[in-house]
Amino acid sequence: MSKPILKAVYSAPNHEPFQASLELAAPAPTADISTADKTAFLAALRQAVVSVQDEVNRELTARMVLDAQATTQTAADAAAQKEEQNYGEEVIDEEE
């Protein structure tokens, strides 16, 4: 009998997809296994969920950093372009 695998898959339009997976140490419970075996499986499953969640969080945090850097760069590029368009001219704020 093959061991069960816990897997999380991520995809988004602006990022590379990734997957985090972990093979569980204990076999999946069936109707004829003991309570101790079921308890061991659930403990392994809980540990695997925490491990996979940590990996997913690291990947998503890295993507958030990339998004923030891209936003900052876009804002800086827009400011530089505006400054270049107004070079040598007096600019009056129209908010007043």
Protein backbone atom coordinates (compact mmCIF):
# COMPACT_ATOMS: atom_id res chain seq x y z
CA MET A 1 0.00 0.00 0.00
CA SER A 2 1.41 3.39 -0.93
CA LYS A 3 1.79 6.11 1.65
CA PRO A 4 -0.54 9.09 1.45
CA ILE A 5 0.81 12.47 0.36
CA LEU A 6 -0.29 15.86 1.65
CA LYS A 7 -0.01 18.38 -1.20
CA ALA A 8 -0.79 22.08 -1.62
CA VAL A 9 -0.72 23.66 -5.10
CA TYR A 10 -0.50 27.41 -5.82
CA SER A 11 -0.95 29.24 -9.08
CA ALA A 12 -1.54 32.89 -9.91
CA PRO A 13 -1.44 34.88 -13.14
CA ASN A 14 1.60 36.99 -12.19
CA HIS A 15 3.74 34.35 -10.45
CA GLU A 16 5.32 31.00 -11.06
CA PRO A 17 3.18 28.18 -9.69
CA PHE A 18 4.56 26.00 -6.92
CA GLN A 19 3.53 23.01 -4.91
CA ALA A 20 4.41 21.90 -1.43
CA SER A 21 4.03 18.24 -0.63
CA LEU A 22 5.02 15.78 2.03
CA GLU A 23 4.67 12.03 2.19
CA LEU A 24 3.04 10.97 5.43
CA ALA A 25 4.96 8.53 7.61
CA ALA A 26 2.00 6.35 8.54
CA PRO A 27 -0.44 4.62 6.20
CA ALA A 28 -3.92 6.06 5.83
CA PRO A 29 -6.37 4.59 8.31
CA THR A 30 -8.74 1.87 7.20
CA ALA A 31 -11.71 0.37 9.00
CA ASP A 32 -9.70 -2.47 10.53
CA ILE A 33 -6.76 -0.63 12.14
CA SER A 34 -6.35 0.08 15.82
CA THR A 35 -7.09 3.32 17.59
CA ALA A 36 -3.38 3.72 18.31
CA ASP A 37 -2.59 3.48 14.58
CA LYS A 38 -5.28 6.02 13.78
CA THR A 39 -3.90 8.32 16.47
CA ALA A 40 -0.39 7.96 15.04
CA PHE A 41 -1.68 8.76 11.57
CA LEU A 42 -3.50 11.87 12.80
CA ALA A 43 -0.37 13.03 14.66
CA ALA A 44 1.70 12.56 11.50
CA LEU A 45 -0.95 14.37 9.46
CA ARG A 46 -0.98 17.30 11.87
CA GLN A 47 2.82 17.57 11.74
CA ALA A 48 2.75 17.36 7.93
CA VAL A 49 0.10 20.10 7.71
CA VAL A 50 2.26 22.41 9.84
CA SER A 51 5.32 21.65 7.72
CA VAL A 52 3.54 22.17 4.40
CA GLN A 53 1.89 25.34 5.72
CA ASP A 54 5.32 26.73 6.69
CA GLU A 55 6.61 26.06 3.18
CA VAL A 56 3.54 27.69 1.60
CA ASN A 57 3.93 30.72 3.88
CA ARG A 58 7.61 31.13 2.89
CA GLU A 59 6.71 30.97 -0.81
CA LEU A 60 3.82 33.42 -0.47
CA THR A 61 5.92 35.83 1.59
CA ALA A 62 8.58 35.80 -1.13
CA ARG A 63 5.91 36.59 -3.72
CA MET A 64 4.56 39.43 -1.58
CA VAL A 65 8.07 40.91 -1.40
CA LEU A 66 8.35 40.71 -5.20
CA ASP A 67 4.96 42.42 -5.56
CA ALA A 68 5.97 45.19 -3.16
CA GLN A 69 9.25 45.73 -5.03
CA ALA A 70 7.40 45.89 -8.34
CA THR A 71 4.91 48.40 -6.94
CA THR A 72 7.70 50.56 -5.54
CA GLN A 73 9.58 50.45 -8.85
CA THR A 74 6.42 51.33 -10.80
CA ALA A 75 5.77 54.32 -8.52
CA ALA A 76 9.39 55.47 -8.84
CA ASP A 77 9.24 55.12 -12.64
CA ALA A 78 6.00 57.13 -12.75
CA ALA A 79 7.50 59.88 -10.59
CA ALA A 80 10.63 60.02 -12.73
CA GLN A 81 8.56 60.18 -15.91
CA LYS A 82 6.42 63.01 -14.50
CA GLU A 83 9.52 64.91 -13.44
CA GLU A 84 11.04 64.48 -16.89
CA GLN A 85 7.86 65.74 -18.58
CA ASN A 86 7.90 68.85 -16.39
CA TYR A 87 11.65 69.48 -16.60
CA GLY A 88 12.39 73.19 -16.65
CA GLU A 89 8.76 74.20 -16.08
CA GLU A 90 7.14 75.55 -12.98
CA VAL A 91 4.54 73.09 -11.77
CA ILE A 92 1.60 74.38 -9.77
CA ASP A 93 -0.44 71.97 -7.70
CA GLU A 94 -4.06 72.03 -8.77
CA GLU A 95 -5.31 70.74 -5.42
CA GLU A 96 -5.71 74.19 -3.90
